[in-house]
PDB file of N, CA and C in Angstrom:
ATOM      1  N   MET A   1      73.184 -62.527  20.393  1.00  0.00           N
ATOM      2  CA  MET A   1      72.980 -62.750  21.752  1.00  0.00           C
ATOM      3  C   MET A   1      72.104 -63.966  21.974  1.00  0.00           C
ATOM      4  N   ALA A   2      72.135 -64.483  23.173  1.00  0.00           N
ATOM      5  CA  ALA A   2      71.398 -65.654  23.529  1.00  0.00           C
ATOM      6  C   ALA A   2      69.890 -65.338  23.681  1.00  0.00           C
ATOM      7  N   LYS A   3      69.059 -66.242  23.186  1.00  0.00           N
ATOM      8  CA  LYS A   3      67.627 -66.006  23.258  1.00  0.00           C
ATOM      9  C   LYS A   3      67.041 -67.043  24.307  1.00  0.00           C
ATOM     10  N   ILE A   4      66.113 -66.561  25.132  1.00  0.00           N
ATOM     11  CA  ILE A   4      65.528 -67.456  26.094  1.00  0.00           C
ATOM     12  C   ILE A   4      64.015 -67.345  26.079  1.00  0.00           C
ATOM     13  N   SER A   5      63.348 -68.327  26.631  1.00  0.00           N
ATOM     14  CA  SER A   5      61.882 -68.302  26.705  1.00  0.00           C
ATOM     15  C   SER A   5      61.355 -67.345  27.748  1.00  0.00           C
ATOM     16  N   VAL A   6      60.047 -67.147  27.736  1.00  0.00           N
ATOM     17  CA  VAL A   6      59.376 -66.211  28.713  1.00  0.00           C
ATOM     18  C   VAL A   6      59.560 -66.868  30.067  1.00  0.00           C
ATOM     19  N   SER A   7      59.330 -68.155  30.208  1.00  0.00           N
ATOM     20  CA  SER A   7      59.485 -68.879  31.463  1.00  0.00           C
ATOM     21  C   SER A   7      60.863 -68.690  32.028  1.00  0.00           C
ATOM     22  N   GLU A   8      61.911 -68.938  31.233  1.00  0.00           N
ATOM     23  CA  GLU A   8      63.285 -68.813  31.710  1.00  0.00           C
ATOM     24  C   GLU A   8      63.574 -67.346  32.119  1.00  0.00           C
ATOM     25  N   ALA A   9      63.053 -66.383  31.369  1.00  0.00           N
ATOM     26  CA  ALA A   9      63.288 -64.998  31.710  1.00  0.00           C
ATOM     27  C   ALA A   9      62.565 -64.664  33.075  1.00  0.00           C
ATOM     28  N   ALA A  10      61.392 -65.228  33.277  1.00  0.00           N
ATOM     29  CA  ALA A  10      60.695 -64.997  34.530  1.00  0.00           C
ATOM     30  C   ALA A  10      61.516 -65.534  35.704  1.00  0.00           C
ATOM     31  N   LYS A  11      62.174 -66.659  35.479  1.00  0.00           N
ATOM     32  CA  LYS A  11      62.990 -67.216  36.598  1.00  0.00           C
ATOM     33  C   LYS A  11      64.243 -66.438  36.799  1.00  0.00           C
ATOM     34  N   ARG A  12      64.938 -66.030  35.778  1.00  0.00           N
ATOM     35  CA  ARG A  12      66.220 -65.280  35.883  1.00  0.00           C
ATOM     36  C   ARG A  12      66.053 -63.922  36.431  1.00  0.00           C
ATOM     37  N   TYR A  13      64.998 -63.229  36.057  1.00  0.00           N
ATOM     38  CA  TYR A  13      64.820 -61.823  36.455  1.00  0.00           C
ATOM     39  C   TYR A  13      63.718 -61.594  37.483  1.00  0.00           C
ATOM     40  N   GLU A  14      63.157 -62.687  37.992  1.00  0.00           N
ATOM     41  CA  GLU A  14      62.137 -62.706  39.073  1.00  0.00           C
ATOM     42  C   GLU A  14      61.002 -61.738  38.699  1.00  0.00           C
ATOM     43  N   VAL A  15      60.557 -61.862  37.449  1.00  0.00           N
ATOM     44  CA  VAL A  15      59.367 -61.102  36.937  1.00  0.00           C
ATOM     45  C   VAL A  15      58.360 -62.048  36.556  1.00  0.00           C
ATOM     46  N   SER A  16      57.105 -61.816  36.814  1.00  0.00           N
ATOM     47  CA  SER A  16      56.073 -62.783  36.533  1.00  0.00           C
ATOM     48  C   SER A  16      55.863 -62.953  35.025  1.00  0.00           C
ATOM     49  N   ARG A  17      55.412 -64.125  34.581  1.00  0.00           N
ATOM     50  CA  ARG A  17      55.211 -64.363  33.144  1.00  0.00           C
ATOM     51  C   ARG A  17      54.149 -63.401  32.624  1.00  0.00           C
ATOM     52  N   PRO A  18      53.025 -63.165  33.351  1.00  0.00           N
ATOM     53  CA  PRO A  18      52.048 -62.232  32.784  1.00  0.00           C
ATOM     54  C   PRO A  18      52.632 -60.792  32.613  1.00  0.00           C
ATOM     55  N   THR A  19      53.553 -60.379  33.502  1.00  0.00           N
ATOM     56  CA  THR A  19      54.172 -59.057  33.358  1.00  0.00           C
ATOM     57  C   THR A  19      55.019 -59.049  32.146  1.00  0.00           C
ATOM     58  N   LEU A  20      55.793 -60.131  31.881  1.00  0.00           N
ATOM     59  CA  LEU A  20      56.616 -60.156  30.675  1.00  0.00           C
ATOM     60  C   LEU A  20      55.741 -60.119  29.420  1.00  0.00           C
ATOM     61  N   GLN A  21      54.643 -60.936  29.451  1.00  0.00           N
ATOM     62  CA  GLN A  21      53.772 -60.947  28.269  1.00  0.00           C
ATOM     63  C   GLN A  21      53.133 -59.585  28.089  1.00  0.00           C
ATOM     64  N   LYS A  22      52.752 -58.856  29.130  1.00  0.00           N
ATOM     65  CA  LYS A  22      52.168 -57.582  29.054  1.00  0.00           C
ATOM     66  C   LYS A  22      53.207 -56.539  28.408  1.00  0.00           C
ATOM     67  N   HIS A  23      54.430 -56.634  28.900  1.00  0.00           N
ATOM     68  CA  HIS A  23      55.499 -55.766  28.326  1.00  0.00           C
ATOM     69  C   HIS A  23      55.818 -56.086  26.929  1.00  0.00           C
ATOM     70  N   LEU A  24      55.702 -57.366  26.534  1.00  0.00           N
ATOM     71  CA  LEU A  24      55.861 -57.681  25.065  1.00  0.00           C
ATOM     72  C   LEU A  24      54.737 -57.056  24.276  1.00  0.00           C
ATOM     73  N   LYS A  25      53.546 -57.211  24.846  1.00  0.00           N
ATOM     74  CA  LYS A  25      52.314 -56.692  24.064  1.00  0.00           C
ATOM     75  C   LYS A  25      52.355 -55.174  23.911  1.00  0.00           C
ATOM     76  N   ASN A  26      52.763 -54.428  24.981  1.00  0.00           N
ATOM     77  CA  ASN A  26      52.763 -52.927  24.866  1.00  0.00           C
ATOM     78  C   ASN A  26      54.081 -52.323  24.363  1.00  0.00           C
ATOM     79  N   GLY A  27      55.079 -53.192  24.057  1.00  0.00           N
ATOM     80  CA  GLY A  27      56.352 -52.740  23.475  1.00  0.00           C
ATOM     81  C   GLY A  27      57.411 -52.295  24.384  1.00  0.00           C
ATOM     82  N   LYS A  28      57.253 -52.551  25.708  1.00  0.00           N
ATOM     83  CA  LYS A  28      58.329 -52.159  26.669  1.00  0.00           C
ATOM     84  C   LYS A  28      59.591 -53.004  26.388  1.00  0.00           C
ATOM     85  N   ILE A  29      59.386 -54.277  26.080  1.00  0.00           N
ATOM     86  CA  ILE A  29      60.457 -55.155  25.676  1.00  0.00           C
ATOM     87  C   ILE A  29      60.163 -55.730  24.291  1.00  0.00           C
ATOM     88  N   SER A  30      61.161 -56.168  23.536  1.00  0.00           N
ATOM     89  CA  SER A  30      60.912 -56.736  22.300  1.00  0.00           C
ATOM     90  C   SER A  30      61.290 -58.207  22.282  1.00  0.00           C
ATOM     91  N   GLY A  31      60.697 -58.948  21.456  1.00  0.00           N
ATOM     92  CA  GLY A  31      60.931 -60.399  21.442  1.00  0.00           C
ATOM     93  C   GLY A  31      60.631 -60.915  20.013  1.00  0.00           C
ATOM     94  N   GLU A  32      60.852 -62.127  19.805  1.00  0.00           N
ATOM     95  CA  GLU A  32      60.662 -62.800  18.566  1.00  0.00           C
ATOM     96  C   GLU A  32      59.774 -64.029  18.672  1.00  0.00           C
ATOM     97  N   LYS A  33      58.657 -64.134  17.876  1.00  0.00           N
ATOM     98  CA  LYS A  33      57.797 -65.286  18.003  1.00  0.00           C
ATOM     99  C   LYS A  33      58.441 -66.411  17.120  1.00  0.00           C
ATOM    100  N   VAL A  34      58.543 -67.560  17.652  1.00  0.00           N
ATOM    101  CA  VAL A  34      59.054 -68.743  16.923  1.00  0.00           C
ATOM    102  C   VAL A  34      57.848 -69.641  16.710  1.00  0.00           C
ATOM    103  N   ASP A  35      57.671 -70.021  15.433  1.00  0.00           N
ATOM    104  CA  ASP A  35      56.483 -70.915  15.029  1.00  0.00           C
ATOM    105  C   ASP A  35      55.150 -70.160  15.313  1.00  0.00           C
ATOM    106  N   GLY A  36      55.114 -68.914  15.453  1.00  0.00           N
ATOM    107  CA  GLY A  36      53.920 -68.157  15.619  1.00  0.00           C
ATOM    108  C   GLY A  36      53.258 -68.202  16.959  1.00  0.00           C
ATOM    109  N   LYS A  37      53.937 -68.874  17.901  1.00  0.00           N
ATOM    110  CA  LYS A  37      53.278 -68.914  19.304  1.00  0.00           C
ATOM    111  C   LYS A  37      54.251 -68.852  20.380  1.00  0.00           C
ATOM    112  N   VAL A  38      55.507 -69.130  20.289  1.00  0.00           N
ATOM    113  CA  VAL A  38      56.456 -69.170  21.399  1.00  0.00           C
ATOM    114  C   VAL A  38      57.335 -67.959  21.317  1.00  0.00           C
ATOM    115  N   TRP A  39      57.380 -67.157  22.366  1.00  0.00           N
ATOM    116  CA  TRP A  39      58.246 -65.975  22.394  1.00  0.00           C
ATOM    117  C   TRP A  39      59.658 -66.351  22.807  1.00  0.00           C
ATOM    118  N   LYS A  40      60.625 -65.820  22.109  1.00  0.00           N
ATOM    119  CA  LYS A  40      62.037 -65.870  22.513  1.00  0.00           C
ATOM    120  C   LYS A  40      62.543 -64.485  22.729  1.00  0.00           C
ATOM    121  N   LEU A  41      63.136 -64.277  23.920  1.00  0.00           N
ATOM    122  CA  LEU A  41      63.578 -62.955  24.292  1.00  0.00           C
ATOM    123  C   LEU A  41      65.098 -62.899  24.351  1.00  0.00           C
ATOM    124  N   ASP A  42      65.571 -61.792  23.903  1.00  0.00           N
ATOM    125  CA  ASP A  42      67.065 -61.559  23.936  1.00  0.00           C
ATOM    126  C   ASP A  42      67.489 -61.236  25.354  1.00  0.00           C
ATOM    127  N   THR A  43      68.561 -61.870  25.838  1.00  0.00           N
ATOM    128  CA  THR A  43      68.991 -61.606  27.217  1.00  0.00           C
ATOM    129  C   THR A  43      69.510 -60.195  27.422  1.00  0.00           C
ATOM    130  N   ALA A  44      70.038 -59.571  26.365  1.00  0.00           N
ATOM    131  CA  ALA A  44      70.497 -58.197  26.409  1.00  0.00           C
ATOM    132  C   ALA A  44      69.306 -57.230  26.572  1.00  0.00           C
ATOM    133  N   GLU A  45      68.251 -57.538  25.901  1.00  0.00           N
ATOM    134  CA  GLU A  45      66.966 -56.706  26.012  1.00  0.00           C
ATOM    135  C   GLU A  45      66.379 -56.873  27.404  1.00  0.00           C
ATOM    136  N   LEU A  46      66.400 -58.014  28.022  1.00  0.00           N
ATOM    137  CA  LEU A  46      65.932 -58.159  29.322  1.00  0.00           C
ATOM    138  C   LEU A  46      66.811 -57.482  30.334  1.00  0.00           C
ATOM    139  N   ALA A  47      68.142 -57.516  30.158  1.00  0.00           N
ATOM    140  CA  ALA A  47      69.091 -56.812  31.075  1.00  0.00           C
ATOM    141  C   ALA A  47      68.855 -55.342  30.993  1.00  0.00           C
ATOM    142  N   ARG A  48      68.488 -54.798  29.802  1.00  0.00           N
ATOM    143  CA  ARG A  48      68.242 -53.374  29.607  1.00  0.00           C
ATOM    144  C   ARG A  48      67.029 -52.903  30.353  1.00  0.00           C
ATOM    145  N   VAL A  49      65.977 -53.712  30.474  1.00  0.00           N
ATOM    146  CA  VAL A  49      64.751 -53.285  31.106  1.00  0.00           C
ATOM    147  C   VAL A  49      64.675 -53.721  32.557  1.00  0.00           C
ATOM    148  N   TYR A  50      65.117 -54.900  32.892  1.00  0.00           N
ATOM    149  CA  TYR A  50      64.957 -55.448  34.250  1.00  0.00           C
ATOM    150  C   TYR A  50      66.300 -55.519  34.934  1.00  0.00           C
ATOM    151  N   GLU A  51      66.327 -55.258  36.279  1.00  0.00           N
ATOM    152  CA  GLU A  51      67.527 -55.529  37.041  1.00  0.00           C
ATOM    153  C   GLU A  51      67.704 -56.979  37.294  1.00  0.00           C
ATOM    154  N   ALA A  52      68.988 -57.380  37.288  1.00  0.00           N
ATOM    155  CA  ALA A  52      69.281 -58.801  37.652  1.00  0.00           C
ATOM    156  C   ALA A  52      68.974 -58.993  39.107  1.00  0.00           C
ATOM    157  N   ARG A  53      68.398 -60.089  39.473  1.00  0.00           N
ATOM    158  CA  ARG A  53      68.060 -60.276  40.867  1.00  0.00           C
ATOM    159  C   ARG A  53      68.903 -61.511  41.318  1.00  0.00           C
ATOM    160  N   GLY A  54      69.490 -61.329  42.536  1.00  0.00           N
ATOM    161  CA  GLY A  54      70.240 -62.385  43.065  1.00  0.00           C
ATOM    162  C   GLY A  54      71.533 -62.646  42.343  1.00  0.00           C
ATOM    163  N   ASN A  55      72.088 -63.844  42.581  1.00  0.00           N
ATOM    164  CA  ASN A  55      73.355 -64.284  41.845  1.00  0.00           C
ATOM    165  C   ASN A  55      72.971 -65.009  40.569  1.00  0.00           C
ATOM    166  N   LEU A  56      73.182 -64.306  39.464  1.00  0.00           N
ATOM    167  CA  LEU A  56      72.826 -64.916  38.172  1.00  0.00           C
ATOM    168  C   LEU A  56      74.045 -65.352  37.402  1.00  0.00           C
ATOM    169  N   SER A  57      75.208 -65.268  37.924  1.00  0.00           N
ATOM    170  CA  SER A  57      76.401 -65.563  37.096  1.00  0.00           C
ATOM    171  C   SER A  57      76.411 -66.988  36.626  1.00  0.00           C
ATOM    172  N   GLY A  58      75.871 -67.938  37.399  1.00  0.00           N
ATOM    173  CA  GLY A  58      75.775 -69.299  36.887  1.00  0.00           C
ATOM    174  C   GLY A  58      74.797 -69.517  35.771  1.00  0.00           C
ATOM    175  N   ASN A  59      73.752 -68.645  35.762  1.00  0.00           N
ATOM    176  CA  ASN A  59      72.703 -68.865  34.763  1.00  0.00           C
ATOM    177  C   ASN A  59      73.024 -68.180  33.430  1.00  0.00           C
ATOM    178  N   LEU A  60      73.842 -67.141  33.411  1.00  0.00           N
ATOM    179  CA  LEU A  60      74.086 -66.342  32.253  1.00  0.00           C
ATOM    180  C   LEU A  60      74.969 -67.097  31.229  1.00  0.00           C
ATOM    181  N   PRO A  61      74.773 -66.919  29.954  1.00  0.00           N
ATOM    182  CA  PRO A  61      75.669 -67.563  28.991  1.00  0.00           C
ATOM    183  C   PRO A  61      77.055 -67.013  29.125  1.00  0.00           C
ATOM    184  N   GLU A  62      77.959 -67.804  28.603  1.00  0.00           N
ATOM    185  CA  GLU A  62      79.446 -67.447  28.671  1.00  0.00           C
ATOM    186  C   GLU A  62      79.706 -66.120  28.087  1.00  0.00           C
ATOM    187  N   THR A  63      78.925 -65.774  27.002  1.00  0.00           N
ATOM    188  CA  THR A  63      79.220 -64.505  26.352  1.00  0.00           C
ATOM    189  C   THR A  63      78.984 -63.293  27.231  1.00  0.00           C
ATOM    190  N   LEU A  64      78.024 -63.414  28.169  1.00  0.00           N
ATOM    191  CA  LEU A  64      77.617 -62.325  29.044  1.00  0.00           C
ATOM    192  C   LEU A  64      78.288 -62.387  30.364  1.00  0.00           C
ATOM    193  N   SER A  65      78.719 -63.536  30.858  1.00  0.00           N
ATOM    194  CA  SER A  65      79.297 -63.609  32.170  1.00  0.00           C
ATOM    195  C   SER A  65      80.587 -62.861  32.328  1.00  0.00           C
ATOM    196  N   GLY A  66      81.429 -62.788  31.296  1.00  0.00           N
ATOM    197  CA  GLY A  66      82.649 -62.076  31.365  1.00  0.00           C
ATOM    198  C   GLY A  66      82.614 -60.676  30.918  1.00  0.00           C
ATOM    199  N   PHE A  67      81.426 -60.136  30.673  1.00  0.00           N
ATOM    200  CA  PHE A  67      81.313 -58.797  30.121  1.00  0.00           C
ATOM    201  C   PHE A  67      81.916 -57.752  31.014  1.00  0.00           C
ATOM    202  N   SER A  68      81.578 -57.747  32.359  1.00  0.00           N
ATOM    203  CA  SER A  68      82.032 -56.678  33.202  1.00  0.00           C
ATOM    204  C   SER A  68      83.506 -56.796  33.476  1.00  0.00           C
ATOM    205  N   SER A  69      84.114 -57.966  33.382  1.00  0.00           N
ATOM    206  CA  SER A  69      85.549 -58.093  33.565  1.00  0.00           C
ATOM    207  C   SER A  69      86.301 -57.655  32.351  1.00  0.00           C
ATOM    208  N   GLY A  70      85.607 -57.533  31.258  1.00  0.00           N
ATOM    209  CA  GLY A  70      86.286 -57.176  29.991  1.00  0.00           C
ATOM    210  C   GLY A  70      86.364 -55.612  29.783  1.00  0.00           C
ATOM    211  N   LEU A  71      85.908 -54.787  30.706  1.00  0.00           N
ATOM    212  CA  LEU A  71      85.974 -53.386  30.574  1.00  0.00           C
ATOM    213  C   LEU A  71      87.405 -52.981  30.660  1.00  0.00           C
ATOM    214  N   SER A  72      87.765 -52.051  29.710  1.00  0.00           N
ATOM    215  CA  SER A  72      89.133 -51.591  29.706  1.00  0.00           C
ATOM    216  C   SER A  72      89.465 -50.607  30.855  1.00  0.00           C
ATOM    217  N   GLU A  73      90.684 -50.437  31.161  1.00  0.00           N
ATOM    218  CA  GLU A  73      91.066 -49.549  32.238  1.00  0.00           C
ATOM    219  C   GLU A  73      90.774 -48.135  31.863  1.00  0.00           C
ATOM    220  N   SER A  74      90.862 -47.820  30.562  1.00  0.00           N
ATOM    221  CA  SER A  74      90.610 -46.390  30.199  1.00  0.00           C
ATOM    222  C   SER A  74      89.157 -46.068  30.416  1.00  0.00           C
ATOM    223  N   LEU A  75      88.234 -47.049  30.214  1.00  0.00           N
ATOM    224  CA  LEU A  75      86.792 -46.803  30.469  1.00  0.00           C
ATOM    225  C   LEU A  75      86.551 -46.660  32.015  1.00  0.00           C
ATOM    226  N   LYS A  76      87.243 -47.386  32.781  1.00  0.00           N
ATOM    227  CA  LYS A  76      87.045 -47.329  34.179  1.00  0.00           C
ATOM    228  C   LYS A  76      87.570 -46.005  34.704  1.00  0.00           C
ATOM    229  N   ALA A  77      88.721 -45.528  34.116  1.00  0.00           N
ATOM    230  CA  ALA A  77      89.294 -44.259  34.534  1.00  0.00           C
ATOM    231  C   ALA A  77      88.365 -43.104  34.136  1.00  0.00           C
ATOM    232  N   GLU A  78      87.797 -43.182  32.911  1.00  0.00           N
ATOM    233  CA  GLU A  78      86.913 -42.144  32.430  1.00  0.00           C
ATOM    234  C   GLU A  78      85.614 -42.148  33.339  1.00  0.00           C
ATOM    235  N   ASN A  79      85.161 -43.314  33.743  1.00  0.00           N
ATOM    236  CA  ASN A  79      83.987 -43.380  34.604  1.00  0.00           C
ATOM    237  C   ASN A  79      84.272 -42.674  35.949  1.00  0.00           C
ATOM    238  N   GLU A  80      85.402 -42.918  36.547  1.00  0.00           N
ATOM    239  CA  GLU A  80      85.806 -42.278  37.765  1.00  0.00           C
ATOM    240  C   GLU A  80      85.872 -40.728  37.605  1.00  0.00           C
ATOM    241  N   ARG A  81      86.487 -40.335  36.488  1.00  0.00           N
ATOM    242  CA  ARG A  81      86.632 -38.923  36.203  1.00  0.00           C
ATOM    243  C   ARG A  81      85.239 -38.218  36.082  1.00  0.00           C
ATOM    244  N   LEU A  82      84.332 -38.889  35.373  1.00  0.00           N
ATOM    245  CA  LEU A  82      83.012 -38.368  35.217  1.00  0.00           C
ATOM    246  C   LEU A  82      82.250 -38.295  36.556  1.00  0.00           C
ATOM    247  N   LYS A  83      82.437 -39.269  37.391  1.00  0.00           N
ATOM    248  CA  LYS A  83      81.828 -39.250  38.756  1.00  0.00           C
ATOM    249  C   LYS A  83      82.371 -38.097  39.567  1.00  0.00           C
ATOM    250  N   ALA A  84      83.674 -37.834  39.462  1.00  0.00           N
ATOM    251  CA  ALA A  84      84.232 -36.698  40.218  1.00  0.00           C
ATOM    252  C   ALA A  84      83.712 -35.366  39.639  1.00  0.00           C
ATOM    253  N   ASP A  85      83.604 -35.287  38.306  1.00  0.00           N
ATOM    254  CA  ASP A  85      83.031 -34.105  37.711  1.00  0.00           C
ATOM    255  C   ASP A  85      81.552 -33.842  38.219  1.00  0.00           C
ATOM    256  N   LEU A  86      80.796 -34.945  38.205  1.00  0.00           N
ATOM    257  CA  LEU A  86      79.458 -34.802  38.635  1.00  0.00           C
ATOM    258  C   LEU A  86      79.379 -34.338  40.078  1.00  0.00           C
ATOM    259  N   ALA A  87      80.217 -34.843  40.907  1.00  0.00           N
ATOM    260  CA  ALA A  87      80.202 -34.421  42.336  1.00  0.00           C
ATOM    261  C   ALA A  87      80.603 -32.946  42.440  1.00  0.00           C
ATOM    262  N   SER A  88      81.585 -32.488  41.710  1.00  0.00           N
ATOM    263  CA  SER A  88      81.968 -31.095  41.824  1.00  0.00           C
ATOM    264  C   SER A  88      80.870 -30.160  41.228  1.00  0.00           C
ATOM    265  N   MET A  89      80.199 -30.569  40.241  1.00  0.00           N
ATOM    266  CA  MET A  89      79.085 -29.786  39.577  1.00  0.00           C
ATOM    267  C   MET A  89      77.899 -29.761  40.544  1.00  0.00           C
ATOM    268  N   THR A  90      77.632 -30.821  41.204  1.00  0.00           N
ATOM    269  CA  THR A  90      76.542 -30.826  42.197  1.00  0.00           C
ATOM    270  C   THR A  90      76.874 -29.941  43.341  1.00  0.00           C
ATOM    271  N   ALA A  91      78.092 -29.883  43.830  1.00  0.00           N
ATOM    272  CA  ALA A  91      78.476 -28.965  44.942  1.00  0.00           C
ATOM    273  C   ALA A  91      78.343 -27.529  44.441  1.00  0.00           C
ATOM    274  N   LEU A  92      78.794 -27.282  43.209  1.00  0.00           N
ATOM    275  CA  LEU A  92      78.669 -25.915  42.669  1.00  0.00           C
ATOM    276  C   LEU A  92      77.211 -25.549  42.583  1.00  0.00           C
ATOM    277  N   ALA A  93      76.342 -26.392  42.128  1.00  0.00           N
ATOM    278  CA  ALA A  93      74.884 -26.084  41.996  1.00  0.00           C
ATOM    279  C   ALA A  93      74.304 -25.791  43.423  1.00  0.00           C
ATOM    280  N   ASP A  94      74.685 -26.553  44.370  1.00  0.00           N
ATOM    281  CA  ASP A  94      74.181 -26.347  45.763  1.00  0.00           C
ATOM    282  C   ASP A  94      74.674 -24.957  46.255  1.00  0.00           C
ATOM    283  N   GLU A  95      75.952 -24.603  45.966  1.00  0.00           N
ATOM    284  CA  GLU A  95      76.437 -23.358  46.462  1.00  0.00           C
ATOM    285  C   GLU A  95      75.729 -22.172  45.747  1.00  0.00           C
ATOM    286  N   ARG A  96      75.421 -22.288  44.439  1.00  0.00           N
ATOM    287  CA  ARG A  96      74.708 -21.279  43.753  1.00  0.00           C
ATOM    288  C   ARG A  96      73.285 -21.176  44.252  1.00  0.00           C
ATOM    289  N   ALA A  97      72.633 -22.253  44.555  1.00  0.00           N
ATOM    290  CA  ALA A  97      71.258 -22.201  45.025  1.00  0.00           C
ATOM    291  C   ALA A  97      71.267 -21.494  46.399  1.00  0.00           C
ATOM    292  N   LYS A  98      72.159 -21.754  47.268  1.00  0.00           N
ATOM    293  CA  LYS A  98      72.272 -21.095  48.541  1.00  0.00           C
ATOM    294  C   LYS A  98      72.486 -19.574  48.315  1.00  0.00           C
ATOM    295  N   HIS A  99      73.386 -19.157  47.351  1.00  0.00           N
ATOM    296  CA  HIS A  99      73.624 -17.798  47.085  1.00  0.00           C
ATOM    297  C   HIS A  99      72.331 -17.090  46.526  1.00  0.00           C
ATOM    298  N   ILE A 100      71.641 -17.762  45.734  1.00  0.00           N
ATOM    299  CA  ILE A 100      70.381 -17.225  45.149  1.00  0.00           C
ATOM    300  C   ILE A 100      69.402 -17.014  46.284  1.00  0.00           C
ATOM    301  N   GLU A 101      69.325 -17.937  47.173  1.00  0.00           N
ATOM    302  CA  GLU A 101      68.315 -17.783  48.341  1.00  0.00           C
ATOM    303  C   GLU A 101      68.753 -16.630  49.225  1.00  0.00           C
ATOM    304  N   ASP A 102      70.081 -16.435  49.444  1.00  0.00           N
ATOM    305  CA  ASP A 102      70.536 -15.296  50.203  1.00  0.00           C
ATOM    306  C   ASP A 102      70.116 -13.956  49.500  1.00  0.00           C
ATOM    307  N   LEU A 103      70.282 -13.882  48.209  1.00  0.00           N
ATOM    308  CA  LEU A 103      69.903 -12.690  47.435  1.00  0.00           C
ATOM    309  C   LEU A 103      68.392 -12.478  47.507  1.00  0.00           C
ATOM    310  N   ARG A 104      67.639 -13.575  47.457  1.00  0.00           N
ATOM    311  CA  ARG A 104      66.168 -13.391  47.459  1.00  0.00           C
ATOM    312  C   ARG A 104      65.725 -12.836  48.767  1.00  0.00           C
ATOM    313  N   VAL A 105      66.371 -13.175  49.823  1.00  0.00           N
ATOM    314  CA  VAL A 105      66.024 -12.627  51.121  1.00  0.00           C
ATOM    315  C   VAL A 105      66.222 -11.056  51.185  1.00  0.00           C
ATOM    316  N   MET A 106      67.245 -10.608  50.489  1.00  0.00           N
ATOM    317  CA  MET A 106      67.539  -9.162  50.515  1.00  0.00           C
ATOM    318  C   MET A 106      66.607  -8.388  49.600  1.00  0.00           C
ATOM    319  N   LEU A 107      65.874  -9.001  48.750  1.00  0.00           N
ATOM    320  CA  LEU A 107      64.994  -8.280  47.818  1.00  0.00           C
ATOM    321  C   LEU A 107      63.836  -7.576  48.715  1.00  0.00           C
ATOM    322  N   PRO A 108      63.317  -6.423  48.205  1.00  0.00           N
ATOM    323  CA  PRO A 108      62.227  -5.787  48.861  1.00  0.00           C
ATOM    324  C   PRO A 108      60.928  -6.605  48.698  1.00  0.00           C
ATOM    325  N   GLY A 109      59.975  -6.338  49.660  1.00  0.00           N
ATOM    326  CA  GLY A 109      58.721  -7.060  49.614  1.00  0.00           C
ATOM    327  C   GLY A 109      57.911  -6.639  48.464  1.00  0.00           C
ATOM    328  N   PRO A 110      56.623  -7.099  48.407  1.00  0.00           N
ATOM    329  CA  PRO A 110      55.813  -6.816  47.304  1.00  0.00           C
ATOM    330  C   PRO A 110      55.427  -5.361  47.079  1.00  0.00           C
ATOM    331  N   GLY A 111      55.461  -4.567  48.184  1.00  0.00           N
ATOM    332  CA  GLY A 111      55.159  -3.124  48.098  1.00  0.00           C
ATOM    333  C   GLY A 111      56.295  -2.330  47.536  1.00  0.00           C
ATOM    334  N   GLY A 112      57.480  -2.878  47.296  1.00  0.00           N
ATOM    335  CA  GLY A 112      58.626  -2.161  46.867  1.00  0.00           C
ATOM    336  C   GLY A 112      59.506  -1.613  47.933  1.00  0.00           C
ATOM    337  N   GLN A 113      59.059  -1.574  49.220  1.00  0.00           N
ATOM    338  CA  GLN A 113      59.855  -1.079  50.299  1.00  0.00           C
ATOM    339  C   GLN A 113      60.053  -2.181  51.292  1.00  0.00           C
ATOM    340  N   LYS A 114      61.251  -2.094  51.931  1.00  0.00           N
ATOM    341  CA  LYS A 114      61.457  -3.108  52.992  1.00  0.00           C
ATOM    342  C   LYS A 114      60.594  -2.762  54.169  1.00  0.00           C
ATOM    343  N   ARG A 115      60.122  -3.768  54.840  1.00  0.00           N
ATOM    344  CA  ARG A 115      59.330  -3.589  56.027  1.00  0.00           C
ATOM    345  C   ARG A 115      60.280  -3.370  57.208  1.00  0.00           C
ATOM    346  N   ARG A 116      59.943  -2.382  58.045  1.00  0.00           N
ATOM    347  CA  ARG A 116      60.803  -2.088  59.178  1.00  0.00           C
ATOM    348  C   ARG A 116      60.436  -3.039  60.301  1.00  0.00           C
ATOM    349  N   TRP A 117      61.443  -3.307  61.112  1.00  0.00           N
ATOM    350  CA  TRP A 117      61.195  -4.170  62.215  1.00  0.00           C
ATOM    351  C   TRP A 117      60.600  -3.491  63.397  1.00  0.00           C
ATOM    352  N   TRP A 118      60.684  -2.137  63.435  1.00  0.00           N
ATOM    353  CA  TRP A 118      60.077  -1.375  64.539  1.00  0.00           C
ATOM    354  C   TRP A 118      58.723  -0.929  64.154  1.00  0.00           C
ATOM    355  N   PRO A 119      57.644  -1.390  64.766  1.00  0.00           N
ATOM    356  CA  PRO A 119      56.259  -1.136  64.264  1.00  0.00           C
ATOM    357  C   PRO A 119      55.880   0.389  64.570  1.00  0.00           C
ATOM    358  N   PHE A 120      56.513   1.062  65.534  1.00  0.00           N
ATOM    359  CA  PHE A 120      56.032   2.461  65.834  1.00  0.00           C
ATOM    360  C   PHE A 120      57.004   3.462  65.305  1.00  0.00           C
ATOM    361  N   GLY A 121      56.485   4.348  64.505  1.00  0.00           N
ATOM    362  CA  GLY A 121      57.266   5.457  63.946  1.00  0.00           C
ATOM    363  C   GLY A 121      58.109   5.304  62.908  1.00  0.00           C
TER     364      GLY A 121
END
């Protein structure tokens, strides 16, 4: 993968240089020191941690710019299937939570007996 400097990474991902250096120091991102003083960061590592800001297609190396267009149709179909499965499971979870709440309302109070609505007699 392509390696870029901290300054170039700060420009591409709109993250300040001190933030990048802090993340290098505490291990949030990894990099390689060249000649013992200059950090070189892998663009894939930066893309993993930081969101791309703005239109970066002109700044990215050729190896990365065509990545999204190279996804196979089977992966796209599987992605859509998984999204549909997630939506159906979320709906099922919501339905079950509603059912549990309905059952919880029917349970007796702390004393073991239901409280009557008529206070006299």
